[in-house]
Amino acid sequence: MIKKGKGWRIGWQEKAVTYKGLIGGDDWAFELTAIEMQDFCRLLLQIHQAIIDINEHLMEEETITCEVESDLMWLGAQGYPNNYSLSIILHHHRGCEGTWKENVTKDLIQATQSLMLF
């Protein structure tokens, strides 16, 4: 099952042996193991919540940079609290990276929650 929207795509294939998950943007994609997909979903929610929390302390014209990391990957957000880009770097057994443009995160979060992954 693959879900996609403007600037993002995410998928899950339960029967796959190694790489059950897929994440991507308009012009990039890579597969994730089940553990990596779980970590991605957790970190995505974590960085989104951090931005919500930081927003309370910012003036309207201020931009933010926020990072979260695990042993498997790094996520970074940059921009305005309601309009930020999101980057990912995998650093466990292989090197992959990608960036989603602004205004993608909320749809991406919604899609991860509706995949019924685990």
PDB file of N, CA and C in Angstrom:
ATOM      1  N   MET A   1       0.842  -1.173   0.000  1.00  0.00           N
ATOM      2  CA  MET A   1       0.000   0.000   0.000  1.00  0.00           C
ATOM      3  C   MET A   1       0.887   1.237   0.000  1.00  0.00           C
ATOM      4  N   ILE A   2       0.679   2.120  -0.932  1.00  0.00           N
ATOM      5  CA  ILE A   2       1.408   3.384  -1.007  1.00  0.00           C
ATOM      6  C   ILE A   2       0.408   4.527  -0.957  1.00  0.00           C
ATOM      7  N   LYS A   3       0.682   5.470  -0.069  1.00  0.00           N
ATOM      8  CA  LYS A   3      -0.112   6.695   0.008  1.00  0.00           C
ATOM      9  C   LYS A   3       0.784   7.816  -0.471  1.00  0.00           C
ATOM     10  N   LYS A   4       0.187   8.770  -1.169  1.00  0.00           N
ATOM     11  CA  LYS A   4       0.997   9.891  -1.640  1.00  0.00           C
ATOM     12  C   LYS A   4       0.159  11.144  -1.741  1.00  0.00           C
ATOM     13  N   GLY A   5       0.867  12.235  -1.674  1.00  0.00           N
ATOM     14  CA  GLY A   5       0.259  13.550  -1.798  1.00  0.00           C
ATOM     15  C   GLY A   5       1.251  14.472  -2.467  1.00  0.00           C
ATOM     16  N   LYS A   6       0.961  15.748  -2.442  1.00  0.00           N
ATOM     17  CA  LYS A   6       1.839  16.716  -3.090  1.00  0.00           C
ATOM     18  C   LYS A   6       3.157  16.790  -2.330  1.00  0.00           C
ATOM     19  N   GLY A   7       4.218  16.259  -2.930  1.00  0.00           N
ATOM     20  CA  GLY A   7       5.550  16.338  -2.366  1.00  0.00           C
ATOM     21  C   GLY A   7       5.944  15.208  -1.433  1.00  0.00           C
ATOM     22  N   TRP A   8       5.098  14.202  -1.267  1.00  0.00           N
ATOM     23  CA  TRP A   8       5.439  13.107  -0.357  1.00  0.00           C
ATOM     24  C   TRP A   8       4.802  11.802  -0.812  1.00  0.00           C
ATOM     25  N   ARG A   9       5.394  10.709  -0.337  1.00  0.00           N
ATOM     26  CA  ARG A   9       4.810   9.377  -0.496  1.00  0.00           C
ATOM     27  C   ARG A   9       5.339   8.487   0.619  1.00  0.00           C
ATOM     28  N   ILE A  10       4.509   7.543   1.007  1.00  0.00           N
ATOM     29  CA  ILE A  10       4.869   6.617   2.073  1.00  0.00           C
ATOM     30  C   ILE A  10       4.151   5.303   1.806  1.00  0.00           C
ATOM     31  N   GLY A  11       4.822   4.211   2.078  1.00  0.00           N
ATOM     32  CA  GLY A  11       4.207   2.924   1.790  1.00  0.00           C
ATOM     33  C   GLY A  11       4.593   1.867   2.805  1.00  0.00           C
ATOM     34  N   TRP A  12       3.816   0.807   2.796  1.00  0.00           N
ATOM     35  CA  TRP A  12       4.048  -0.321   3.697  1.00  0.00           C
ATOM     36  C   TRP A  12       3.634  -1.598   2.991  1.00  0.00           C
ATOM     37  N   GLN A  13       4.510  -2.587   3.021  1.00  0.00           N
ATOM     38  CA  GLN A  13       4.223  -3.898   2.444  1.00  0.00           C
ATOM     39  C   GLN A  13       4.577  -4.952   3.492  1.00  0.00           C
ATOM     40  N   GLU A  14       3.586  -5.422   4.180  1.00  0.00           N
ATOM     41  CA  GLU A  14       3.769  -6.350   5.292  1.00  0.00           C
ATOM     42  C   GLU A  14       4.498  -7.624   4.878  1.00  0.00           C
ATOM     43  N   LYS A  15       4.251  -8.118   3.690  1.00  0.00           N
ATOM     44  CA  LYS A  15       4.816  -9.398   3.265  1.00  0.00           C
ATOM     45  C   LYS A  15       6.271  -9.310   2.799  1.00  0.00           C
ATOM     46  N   ALA A  16       6.798  -8.119   2.652  1.00  0.00           N
ATOM     47  CA  ALA A  16       8.191  -7.965   2.224  1.00  0.00           C
ATOM     48  C   ALA A  16       9.121  -8.555   3.270  1.00  0.00           C
ATOM     49  N   VAL A  17      10.204  -9.133   2.830  1.00  0.00           N
ATOM     50  CA  VAL A  17      11.132  -9.804   3.739  1.00  0.00           C
ATOM     51  C   VAL A  17      11.965  -8.807   4.542  1.00  0.00           C
ATOM     52  N   THR A  18      12.637  -7.894   3.876  1.00  0.00           N
ATOM     53  CA  THR A  18      13.553  -6.991   4.573  1.00  0.00           C
ATOM     54  C   THR A  18      13.015  -5.568   4.666  1.00  0.00           C
ATOM     55  N   TYR A  19      12.681  -4.990   3.543  1.00  0.00           N
ATOM     56  CA  TYR A  19      12.275  -3.591   3.504  1.00  0.00           C
ATOM     57  C   TYR A  19      10.765  -3.494   3.337  1.00  0.00           C
ATOM     58  N   LYS A  20      10.084  -3.313   4.445  1.00  0.00           N
ATOM     59  CA  LYS A  20       8.625  -3.270   4.447  1.00  0.00           C
ATOM     60  C   LYS A  20       8.079  -1.869   4.191  1.00  0.00           C
ATOM     61  N   GLY A  21       8.882  -0.847   4.502  1.00  0.00           N
ATOM     62  CA  GLY A  21       8.431   0.533   4.383  1.00  0.00           C
ATOM     63  C   GLY A  21       9.080   1.266   3.232  1.00  0.00           C
ATOM     64  N   LEU A  22       8.435   2.347   2.813  1.00  0.00           N
ATOM     65  CA  LEU A  22       8.956   3.222   1.772  1.00  0.00           C
ATOM     66  C   LEU A  22       8.594   4.645   2.153  1.00  0.00           C
ATOM     67  N   ILE A  23       9.556   5.550   2.051  1.00  0.00           N
ATOM     68  CA  ILE A  23       9.286   6.973   2.206  1.00  0.00           C
ATOM     69  C   ILE A  23       9.908   7.694   1.028  1.00  0.00           C
ATOM     70  N   GLY A  24       9.345   8.839   0.679  1.00  0.00           N
ATOM     71  CA  GLY A  24       9.911   9.573  -0.435  1.00  0.00           C
ATOM     72  C   GLY A  24       9.261  10.915  -0.657  1.00  0.00           C
ATOM     73  N   GLY A  25       9.873  11.652  -1.571  1.00  0.00           N
ATOM     74  CA  GLY A  25       9.363  12.937  -2.017  1.00  0.00           C
ATOM     75  C   GLY A  25       9.011  12.835  -3.488  1.00  0.00           C
ATOM     76  N   ASP A  26       8.974  13.972  -4.155  1.00  0.00           N
ATOM     77  CA  ASP A  26       8.641  13.979  -5.580  1.00  0.00           C
ATOM     78  C   ASP A  26       9.695  13.281  -6.425  1.00  0.00           C
ATOM     79  N   ASP A  27      10.963  13.471  -6.073  1.00  0.00           N
ATOM     80  CA  ASP A  27      12.040  12.964  -6.927  1.00  0.00           C
ATOM     81  C   ASP A  27      13.030  12.066  -6.197  1.00  0.00           C
ATOM     82  N   TRP A  28      12.633  11.478  -5.099  1.00  0.00           N
ATOM     83  CA  TRP A  28      13.494  10.555  -4.359  1.00  0.00           C
ATOM     84  C   TRP A  28      12.620   9.613  -3.537  1.00  0.00           C
ATOM     85  N   ALA A  29      13.176   8.462  -3.212  1.00  0.00           N
ATOM     86  CA  ALA A  29      12.509   7.500  -2.338  1.00  0.00           C
ATOM     87  C   ALA A  29      13.528   6.477  -1.876  1.00  0.00           C
ATOM     88  N   PHE A  30      13.307   5.908  -0.707  1.00  0.00           N
ATOM     89  CA  PHE A  30      14.083   4.757  -0.277  1.00  0.00           C
ATOM     90  C   PHE A  30      13.260   3.897   0.651  1.00  0.00           C
ATOM     91  N   GLU A  31      13.673   2.639   0.695  1.00  0.00           N
ATOM     92  CA  GLU A  31      12.953   1.655   1.493  1.00  0.00           C
ATOM     93  C   GLU A  31      13.504   1.623   2.913  1.00  0.00           C
ATOM     94  N   LEU A  32      12.617   1.252   3.856  1.00  0.00           N
ATOM     95  CA  LEU A  32      12.985   1.153   5.261  1.00  0.00           C
ATOM     96  C   LEU A  32      12.625  -0.225   5.795  1.00  0.00           C
ATOM     97  N   THR A  33      13.425  -0.708   6.734  1.00  0.00           N
ATOM     98  CA  THR A  33      13.055  -1.918   7.455  1.00  0.00           C
ATOM     99  C   THR A  33      11.905  -1.573   8.398  1.00  0.00           C
ATOM    100  N   ALA A  34      11.291  -2.572   8.977  1.00  0.00           N
ATOM    101  CA  ALA A  34      10.189  -2.332   9.917  1.00  0.00           C
ATOM    102  C   ALA A  34      10.660  -1.496  11.106  1.00  0.00           C
ATOM    103  N   ILE A  35      11.849  -1.785  11.608  1.00  0.00           N
ATOM    104  CA  ILE A  35      12.382  -1.035  12.748  1.00  0.00           C
ATOM    105  C   ILE A  35      12.663   0.417  12.350  1.00  0.00           C
ATOM    106  N   GLU A  36      13.210   0.619  11.153  1.00  0.00           N
ATOM    107  CA  GLU A  36      13.462   1.980  10.678  1.00  0.00           C
ATOM    108  C   GLU A  36      12.157   2.738  10.495  1.00  0.00           C
ATOM    109  N   MET A  37      11.140   2.073  10.000  1.00  0.00           N
ATOM    110  CA  MET A  37       9.846   2.734   9.799  1.00  0.00           C
ATOM    111  C   MET A  37       9.230   3.136  11.141  1.00  0.00           C
ATOM    112  N   GLN A  38       9.323   2.253  12.123  1.00  0.00           N
ATOM    113  CA  GLN A  38       8.835   2.595  13.461  1.00  0.00           C
ATOM    114  C   GLN A  38       9.580   3.820  13.988  1.00  0.00           C
ATOM    115  N   ASP A  39      10.878   3.829  13.829  1.00  0.00           N
ATOM    116  CA  ASP A  39      11.693   4.938  14.300  1.00  0.00           C
ATOM    117  C   ASP A  39      11.335   6.224  13.565  1.00  0.00           C
ATOM    118  N   PHE A  40      11.156   6.134  12.262  1.00  0.00           N
ATOM    119  CA  PHE A  40      10.776   7.301  11.472  1.00  0.00           C
ATOM    120  C   PHE A  40       9.454   7.885  11.974  1.00  0.00           C
ATOM    121  N   CYS A  41       8.464   7.043  12.169  1.00  0.00           N
ATOM    122  CA  CYS A  41       7.158   7.516  12.640  1.00  0.00           C
ATOM    123  C   CYS A  41       7.278   8.181  14.004  1.00  0.00           C
ATOM    124  N   ARG A  42       8.058   7.586  14.894  1.00  0.00           N
ATOM    125  CA  ARG A  42       8.255   8.146  16.241  1.00  0.00           C
ATOM    126  C   ARG A  42       8.966   9.497  16.163  1.00  0.00           C
ATOM    127  N   LEU A  43      10.053   9.577  15.395  1.00  0.00           N
ATOM    128  CA  LEU A  43      10.805  10.824  15.292  1.00  0.00           C
ATOM    129  C   LEU A  43      10.019  11.915  14.573  1.00  0.00           C
ATOM    130  N   LEU A  44       9.210  11.535  13.608  1.00  0.00           N
ATOM    131  CA  LEU A  44       8.367  12.506  12.906  1.00  0.00           C
ATOM    132  C   LEU A  44       7.407  13.176  13.878  1.00  0.00           C
ATOM    133  N   LEU A  45       6.765  12.391  14.722  1.00  0.00           N
ATOM    134  CA  LEU A  45       5.869  12.962  15.734  1.00  0.00           C
ATOM    135  C   LEU A  45       6.654  13.797  16.750  1.00  0.00           C
ATOM    136  N   GLN A  46       7.828  13.334  17.111  1.00  0.00           N
ATOM    137  CA  GLN A  46       8.650  14.034  18.093  1.00  0.00           C
ATOM    138  C   GLN A  46       9.088  15.404  17.578  1.00  0.00           C
ATOM    139  N   ILE A  47       9.540  15.473  16.333  1.00  0.00           N
ATOM    140  CA  ILE A  47       9.988  16.761  15.805  1.00  0.00           C
ATOM    141  C   ILE A  47       8.805  17.707  15.603  1.00  0.00           C
ATOM    142  N   HIS A  48       7.674  17.168  15.209  1.00  0.00           N
ATOM    143  CA  HIS A  48       6.475  17.993  15.045  1.00  0.00           C
ATOM    144  C   HIS A  48       6.047  18.590  16.391  1.00  0.00           C
ATOM    145  N   GLN A  49       6.060  17.785  17.438  1.00  0.00           N
ATOM    146  CA  GLN A  49       5.687  18.275  18.768  1.00  0.00           C
ATOM    147  C   GLN A  49       6.697  19.297  19.271  1.00  0.00           C
ATOM    148  N   ALA A  50       7.979  19.071  19.009  1.00  0.00           N
ATOM    149  CA  ALA A  50       9.004  20.031  19.421  1.00  0.00           C
ATOM    150  C   ALA A  50       8.778  21.386  18.764  1.00  0.00           C
ATOM    151  N   ILE A  51       8.398  21.384  17.506  1.00  0.00           N
ATOM    152  CA  ILE A  51       8.141  22.642  16.796  1.00  0.00           C
ATOM    153  C   ILE A  51       6.916  23.338  17.370  1.00  0.00           C
ATOM    154  N   ILE A  52       5.896  22.582  17.699  1.00  0.00           N
ATOM    155  CA  ILE A  52       4.712  23.171  18.342  1.00  0.00           C
ATOM    156  C   ILE A  52       5.113  23.820  19.662  1.00  0.00           C
ATOM    157  N   ASP A  53       5.924  23.126  20.451  1.00  0.00           N
ATOM    158  CA  ASP A  53       6.365  23.653  21.745  1.00  0.00           C
ATOM    159  C   ASP A  53       7.246  24.891  21.585  1.00  0.00           C
ATOM    160  N   ILE A  54       8.143  24.881  20.614  1.00  0.00           N
ATOM    161  CA  ILE A  54       9.039  26.016  20.373  1.00  0.00           C
ATOM    162  C   ILE A  54       8.258  27.232  19.886  1.00  0.00           C
ATOM    163  N   ASN A  55       7.225  27.019  19.114  1.00  0.00           N
ATOM    164  CA  ASN A  55       6.447  28.091  18.512  1.00  0.00           C
ATOM    165  C   ASN A  55       5.901  29.067  19.555  1.00  0.00           C
ATOM    166  N   GLU A  56       5.604  28.580  20.736  1.00  0.00           N
ATOM    167  CA  GLU A  56       5.067  29.438  21.795  1.00  0.00           C
ATOM    168  C   GLU A  56       6.061  30.514  22.226  1.00  0.00           C
ATOM    169  N   HIS A  57       7.339  30.314  21.942  1.00  0.00           N
ATOM    170  CA  HIS A  57       8.377  31.222  22.401  1.00  0.00           C
ATOM    171  C   HIS A  57       8.965  32.078  21.282  1.00  0.00           C
ATOM    172  N   LEU A  58       8.385  32.018  20.096  1.00  0.00           N
ATOM    173  CA  LEU A  58       8.919  32.743  18.944  1.00  0.00           C
ATOM    174  C   LEU A  58       8.058  33.949  18.594  1.00  0.00           C
ATOM    175  N   MET A  59       8.716  34.942  18.015  1.00  0.00           N
ATOM    176  CA  MET A  59       7.978  36.043  17.415  1.00  0.00           C
ATOM    177  C   MET A  59       7.550  35.599  16.022  1.00  0.00           C
ATOM    178  N   GLU A  60       6.580  36.248  15.458  1.00  0.00           N
ATOM    179  CA  GLU A  60       5.964  35.820  14.193  1.00  0.00           C
ATOM    180  C   GLU A  60       6.964  35.670  13.047  1.00  0.00           C
ATOM    181  N   GLU A  61       7.959  36.538  12.955  1.00  0.00           N
ATOM    182  CA  GLU A  61       8.887  36.514  11.828  1.00  0.00           C
ATOM    183  C   GLU A  61      10.091  35.594  12.044  1.00  0.00           C
ATOM    184  N   GLU A  62      10.211  34.964  13.198  1.00  0.00           N
ATOM    185  CA  GLU A  62      11.357  34.099  13.475  1.00  0.00           C
ATOM    186  C   GLU A  62      11.222  32.729  12.831  1.00  0.00           C
ATOM    187  N   THR A  63      12.334  32.238  12.322  1.00  0.00           N
ATOM    188  CA  THR A  63      12.383  30.881  11.789  1.00  0.00           C
ATOM    189  C   THR A  63      13.035  29.974  12.826  1.00  0.00           C
ATOM    190  N   ILE A  64      12.891  28.673  12.610  1.00  0.00           N
ATOM    191  CA  ILE A  64      13.456  27.710  13.547  1.00  0.00           C
ATOM    192  C   ILE A  64      14.247  26.645  12.813  1.00  0.00           C
ATOM    193  N   THR A  65      15.139  26.037  13.552  1.00  0.00           N
ATOM    194  CA  THR A  65      15.835  24.832  13.127  1.00  0.00           C
ATOM    195  C   THR A  65      15.719  23.865  14.291  1.00  0.00           C
ATOM    196  N   CYS A  66      15.273  22.658  14.007  1.00  0.00           N
ATOM    197  CA  CYS A  66      15.054  21.667  15.049  1.00  0.00           C
ATOM    198  C   CYS A  66      15.537  20.312  14.531  1.00  0.00           C
ATOM    199  N   GLU A  67      16.196  19.554  15.388  1.00  0.00           N
ATOM    200  CA  GLU A  67      16.719  18.241  14.998  1.00  0.00           C
ATOM    201  C   GLU A  67      16.341  17.197  16.040  1.00  0.00           C
ATOM    202  N   VAL A  68      16.076  15.991  15.579  1.00  0.00           N
ATOM    203  CA  VAL A  68      15.897  14.826  16.445  1.00  0.00           C
ATOM    204  C   VAL A  68      16.691  13.689  15.818  1.00  0.00           C
ATOM    205  N   GLU A  69      17.138  12.774  16.667  1.00  0.00           N
ATOM    206  CA  GLU A  69      18.014  11.723  16.160  1.00  0.00           C
ATOM    207  C   GLU A  69      17.860  10.458  16.994  1.00  0.00           C
ATOM    208  N   SER A  70      18.117   9.339  16.339  1.00  0.00           N
ATOM    209  CA  SER A  70      18.184   8.037  17.001  1.00  0.00           C
ATOM    210  C   SER A  70      19.433   7.323  16.487  1.00  0.00           C
ATOM    211  N   ASP A  71      19.615   6.101  16.889  1.00  0.00           N
ATOM    212  CA  ASP A  71      20.733   5.323  16.365  1.00  0.00           C
ATOM    213  C   ASP A  71      20.579   5.040  14.876  1.00  0.00           C
ATOM    214  N   LEU A  72      19.344   5.079  14.375  1.00  0.00           N
ATOM    215  CA  LEU A  72      19.064   4.701  12.992  1.00  0.00           C
ATOM    216  C   LEU A  72      19.011   5.868  12.017  1.00  0.00           C
ATOM    217  N   MET A  73      18.571   7.036  12.500  1.00  0.00           N
ATOM    218  CA  MET A  73      18.363   8.151  11.576  1.00  0.00           C
ATOM    219  C   MET A  73      18.355   9.490  12.279  1.00  0.00           C
ATOM    220  N   TRP A  74      18.421  10.522  11.457  1.00  0.00           N
ATOM    221  CA  TRP A  74      18.361  11.910  11.890  1.00  0.00           C
ATOM    222  C   TRP A  74      17.260  12.597  11.110  1.00  0.00           C
ATOM    223  N   LEU A  75      16.448  13.412  11.787  1.00  0.00           N
ATOM    224  CA  LEU A  75      15.449  14.250  11.133  1.00  0.00           C
ATOM    225  C   LEU A  75      15.724  15.693  11.505  1.00  0.00           C
ATOM    226  N   GLY A  76      15.614  16.583  10.547  1.00  0.00           N
ATOM    227  CA  GLY A  76      15.808  18.007  10.803  1.00  0.00           C
ATOM    228  C   GLY A  76      14.712  18.816  10.138  1.00  0.00           C
ATOM    229  N   ALA A  77      14.246  19.835  10.847  1.00  0.00           N
ATOM    230  CA  ALA A  77      13.213  20.736  10.325  1.00  0.00           C
ATOM    231  C   ALA A  77      13.795  22.141  10.276  1.00  0.00           C
ATOM    232  N   GLN A  78      13.408  22.885   9.243  1.00  0.00           N
ATOM    233  CA  GLN A  78      13.894  24.246   9.105  1.00  0.00           C
ATOM    234  C   GLN A  78      12.834  25.095   8.429  1.00  0.00           C
ATOM    235  N   GLY A  79      12.586  26.269   9.004  1.00  0.00           N
ATOM    236  CA  GLY A  79      11.624  27.189   8.417  1.00  0.00           C
ATOM    237  C   GLY A  79      10.778  27.855   9.484  1.00  0.00           C
ATOM    238  N   TYR A  80       9.549  28.181   9.134  1.00  0.00           N
ATOM    239  CA  TYR A  80       8.602  28.771  10.069  1.00  0.00           C
ATOM    240  C   TYR A  80       7.795  27.659  10.727  1.00  0.00           C
ATOM    241  N   PRO A  81       7.337  27.867  11.947  1.00  0.00           N
ATOM    242  CA  PRO A  81       6.629  26.796  12.664  1.00  0.00           C
ATOM    243  C   PRO A  81       5.444  26.197  11.909  1.00  0.00           C
ATOM    244  N   ASN A  82       4.767  26.985  11.086  1.00  0.00           N
ATOM    245  CA  ASN A  82       3.625  26.467  10.323  1.00  0.00           C
ATOM    246  C   ASN A  82       3.980  26.140   8.881  1.00  0.00           C
ATOM    247  N   ASN A  83       5.261  26.268   8.529  1.00  0.00           N
ATOM    248  CA  ASN A  83       5.686  26.083   7.148  1.00  0.00           C
ATOM    249  C   ASN A  83       7.177  25.759   7.118  1.00  0.00           C
ATOM    250  N   TYR A  84       7.518  24.488   7.336  1.00  0.00           N
ATOM    251  CA  TYR A  84       8.923  24.117   7.421  1.00  0.00           C
ATOM    252  C   TYR A  84       9.223  22.903   6.546  1.00  0.00           C
ATOM    253  N   SER A  85      10.485  22.845   6.115  1.00  0.00           N
ATOM    254  CA  SER A  85      10.942  21.685   5.359  1.00  0.00           C
ATOM    255  C   SER A  85      11.450  20.644   6.351  1.00  0.00           C
ATOM    256  N   LEU A  86      11.512  19.414   5.897  1.00  0.00           N
ATOM    257  CA  LEU A  86      11.932  18.313   6.743  1.00  0.00           C
ATOM    258  C   LEU A  86      12.948  17.480   5.976  1.00  0.00           C
ATOM    259  N   SER A  87      14.079  17.188   6.614  1.00  0.00           N
ATOM    260  CA  SER A  87      15.125  16.368   6.002  1.00  0.00           C
ATOM    261  C   SER A  87      15.360  15.122   6.827  1.00  0.00           C
ATOM    262  N   ILE A  88      15.770  14.050   6.148  1.00  0.00           N
ATOM    263  CA  ILE A  88      16.067  12.789   6.820  1.00  0.00           C
ATOM    264  C   ILE A  88      17.398  12.258   6.312  1.00  0.00           C
ATOM    265  N   ILE A  89      18.172  11.683   7.227  1.00  0.00           N
ATOM    266  CA  ILE A  89      19.405  10.980   6.874  1.00  0.00           C
ATOM    267  C   ILE A  89      19.394   9.656   7.623  1.00  0.00           C
ATOM    268  N   LEU A  90      19.518   8.562   6.874  1.00  0.00           N
ATOM    269  CA  LEU A  90      19.679   7.254   7.496  1.00  0.00           C
ATOM    270  C   LEU A  90      21.161   7.037   7.734  1.00  0.00           C
ATOM    271  N   HIS A  91      21.510   6.483   8.887  1.00  0.00           N
ATOM    272  CA  HIS A  91      22.921   6.214   9.119  1.00  0.00           C
ATOM    273  C   HIS A  91      23.126   4.867   9.803  1.00  0.00           C
ATOM    274  N   HIS A  92      22.301   3.924   9.459  1.00  0.00           N
ATOM    275  CA  HIS A  92      22.437   2.582  10.025  1.00  0.00           C
ATOM    276  C   HIS A  92      22.546   1.588   8.868  1.00  0.00           C
ATOM    277  N   HIS A  93      23.719   1.094   8.600  1.00  0.00           N
ATOM    278  CA  HIS A  93      24.012   0.105   7.556  1.00  0.00           C
ATOM    279  C   HIS A  93      23.961   0.641   6.131  1.00  0.00           C
ATOM    280  N   ARG A  94      23.430   1.805   5.912  1.00  0.00           N
ATOM    281  CA  ARG A  94      23.433   2.371   4.569  1.00  0.00           C
ATOM    282  C   ARG A  94      23.194   3.871   4.678  1.00  0.00           C
ATOM    283  N   GLY A  95      23.643   4.586   3.696  1.00  0.00           N
ATOM    284  CA  GLY A  95      23.484   6.032   3.709  1.00  0.00           C
ATOM    285  C   GLY A  95      22.422   6.472   2.731  1.00  0.00           C
ATOM    286  N   CYS A  96      21.385   7.084   3.228  1.00  0.00           N
ATOM    287  CA  CYS A  96      20.317   7.620   2.391  1.00  0.00           C
ATOM    288  C   CYS A  96      19.909   8.966   2.971  1.00  0.00           C
ATOM    289  N   GLU A  97      19.524   9.870   2.109  1.00  0.00           N
ATOM    290  CA  GLU A  97      18.995  11.126   2.602  1.00  0.00           C
ATOM    291  C   GLU A  97      17.983  11.692   1.638  1.00  0.00           C
ATOM    292  N   GLY A  98      17.087  12.487   2.185  1.00  0.00           N
ATOM    293  CA  GLY A  98      16.051  13.115   1.385  1.00  0.00           C
ATOM    294  C   GLY A  98      15.490  14.324   2.109  1.00  0.00           C
ATOM    295  N   THR A  99      14.782  15.160   1.376  1.00  0.00           N
ATOM    296  CA  THR A  99      14.179  16.364   1.941  1.00  0.00           C
ATOM    297  C   THR A  99      12.774  16.542   1.390  1.00  0.00           C
ATOM    298  N   TRP A 100      11.859  16.823   2.291  1.00  0.00           N
ATOM    299  CA  TRP A 100      10.504  17.187   1.908  1.00  0.00           C
ATOM    300  C   TRP A 100      10.389  18.702   1.987  1.00  0.00           C
ATOM    301  N   LYS A 101       9.709  19.289   1.034  1.00  0.00           N
ATOM    302  CA  LYS A 101       9.528  20.737   1.007  1.00  0.00           C
ATOM    303  C   LYS A 101       8.529  21.160   2.090  1.00  0.00           C
ATOM    304  N   GLU A 102       8.370  22.461   2.219  1.00  0.00           N
ATOM    305  CA  GLU A 102       7.455  23.015   3.211  1.00  0.00           C
ATOM    306  C   GLU A 102       6.033  22.485   3.013  1.00  0.00           C
ATOM    307  N   ASN A 103       5.279  22.515   4.066  1.00  0.00           N
ATOM    308  CA  ASN A 103       3.853  22.144   4.083  1.00  0.00           C
ATOM    309  C   ASN A 103       3.589  20.672   3.793  1.00  0.00           C
ATOM    310  N   VAL A 104       4.511  19.786   4.080  1.00  0.00           N
ATOM    311  CA  VAL A 104       4.325  18.357   3.839  1.00  0.00           C
ATOM    312  C   VAL A 104       4.114  17.586   5.140  1.00  0.00           C
ATOM    313  N   THR A 105       4.690  18.075   6.220  1.00  0.00           N
ATOM    314  CA  THR A 105       4.774  17.304   7.457  1.00  0.00           C
ATOM    315  C   THR A 105       3.411  16.869   7.993  1.00  0.00           C
ATOM    316  N   LYS A 106       2.443  17.747   8.034  1.00  0.00           N
ATOM    317  CA  LYS A 106       1.136  17.372   8.594  1.00  0.00           C
ATOM    318  C   LYS A 106       0.493  16.242   7.796  1.00  0.00           C
ATOM    319  N   ASP A 107       0.555  16.302   6.476  1.00  0.00           N
ATOM    320  CA  ASP A 107       0.006  15.229   5.646  1.00  0.00           C
ATOM    321  C   ASP A 107       0.797  13.939   5.828  1.00  0.00           C
ATOM    322  N   LEU A 108       2.102  14.065   5.955  1.00  0.00           N
ATOM    323  CA  LEU A 108       2.955  12.895   6.156  1.00  0.00           C
ATOM    324  C   LEU A 108       2.645  12.217   7.497  1.00  0.00           C
ATOM    325  N   ILE A 109       2.460  13.005   8.538  1.00  0.00           N
ATOM    326  CA  ILE A 109       2.093  12.455   9.842  1.00  0.00           C
ATOM    327  C   ILE A 109       0.758  11.729   9.750  1.00  0.00           C
ATOM    328  N   GLN A 110      -0.205  12.362   9.124  1.00  0.00           N
ATOM    329  CA  GLN A 110      -1.531  11.751   8.963  1.00  0.00           C
ATOM    330  C   GLN A 110      -1.434  10.433   8.197  1.00  0.00           C
ATOM    331  N   ALA A 111      -0.616  10.394   7.179  1.00  0.00           N
ATOM    332  CA  ALA A 111      -0.456   9.177   6.383  1.00  0.00           C
ATOM    333  C   ALA A 111       0.203   8.071   7.198  1.00  0.00           C
ATOM    334  N   THR A 112       1.206   8.400   8.018  1.00  0.00           N
ATOM    335  CA  THR A 112       1.858   7.374   8.826  1.00  0.00           C
ATOM    336  C   THR A 112       0.877   6.770   9.802  1.00  0.00           C
ATOM    337  N   GLN A 113      -0.004   7.570  10.327  1.00  0.00           N
ATOM    338  CA  GLN A 113      -0.970   7.063  11.303  1.00  0.00           C
ATOM    339  C   GLN A 113      -2.046   6.209  10.664  1.00  0.00           C
ATOM    340  N   SER A 114      -2.297   6.400   9.380  1.00  0.00           N
ATOM    341  CA  SER A 114      -3.350   5.627   8.722  1.00  0.00           C
ATOM    342  C   SER A 114      -2.837   4.359   8.026  1.00  0.00           C
ATOM    343  N   LEU A 115      -1.524   4.159   8.027  1.00  0.00           N
ATOM    344  CA  LEU A 115      -0.990   2.951   7.395  1.00  0.00           C
ATOM    345  C   LEU A 115      -1.221   1.691   8.227  1.00  0.00           C
ATOM    346  N   MET A 116      -1.496   1.859   9.520  1.00  0.00           N
ATOM    347  CA  MET A 116      -1.709   0.722  10.422  1.00  0.00           C
ATOM    348  C   MET A 116      -0.515  -0.220  10.349  1.00  0.00           C
ATOM    349  N   LEU A 117       0.649   0.301  10.627  1.00  0.00           N
ATOM    350  CA  LEU A 117       1.891  -0.417  10.419  1.00  0.00           C
ATOM    351  C   LEU A 117       2.112  -1.579  11.372  1.00  0.00           C
ATOM    352  N   PHE A 118       1.892  -1.373  12.633  1.00  0.00           N
ATOM    353  CA  PHE A 118       2.390  -2.367  13.579  1.00  0.00           C
ATOM    354  C   PHE A 118       1.304  -2.847  14.528  1.00  0.00           C
TER     355      PHE A 118
END
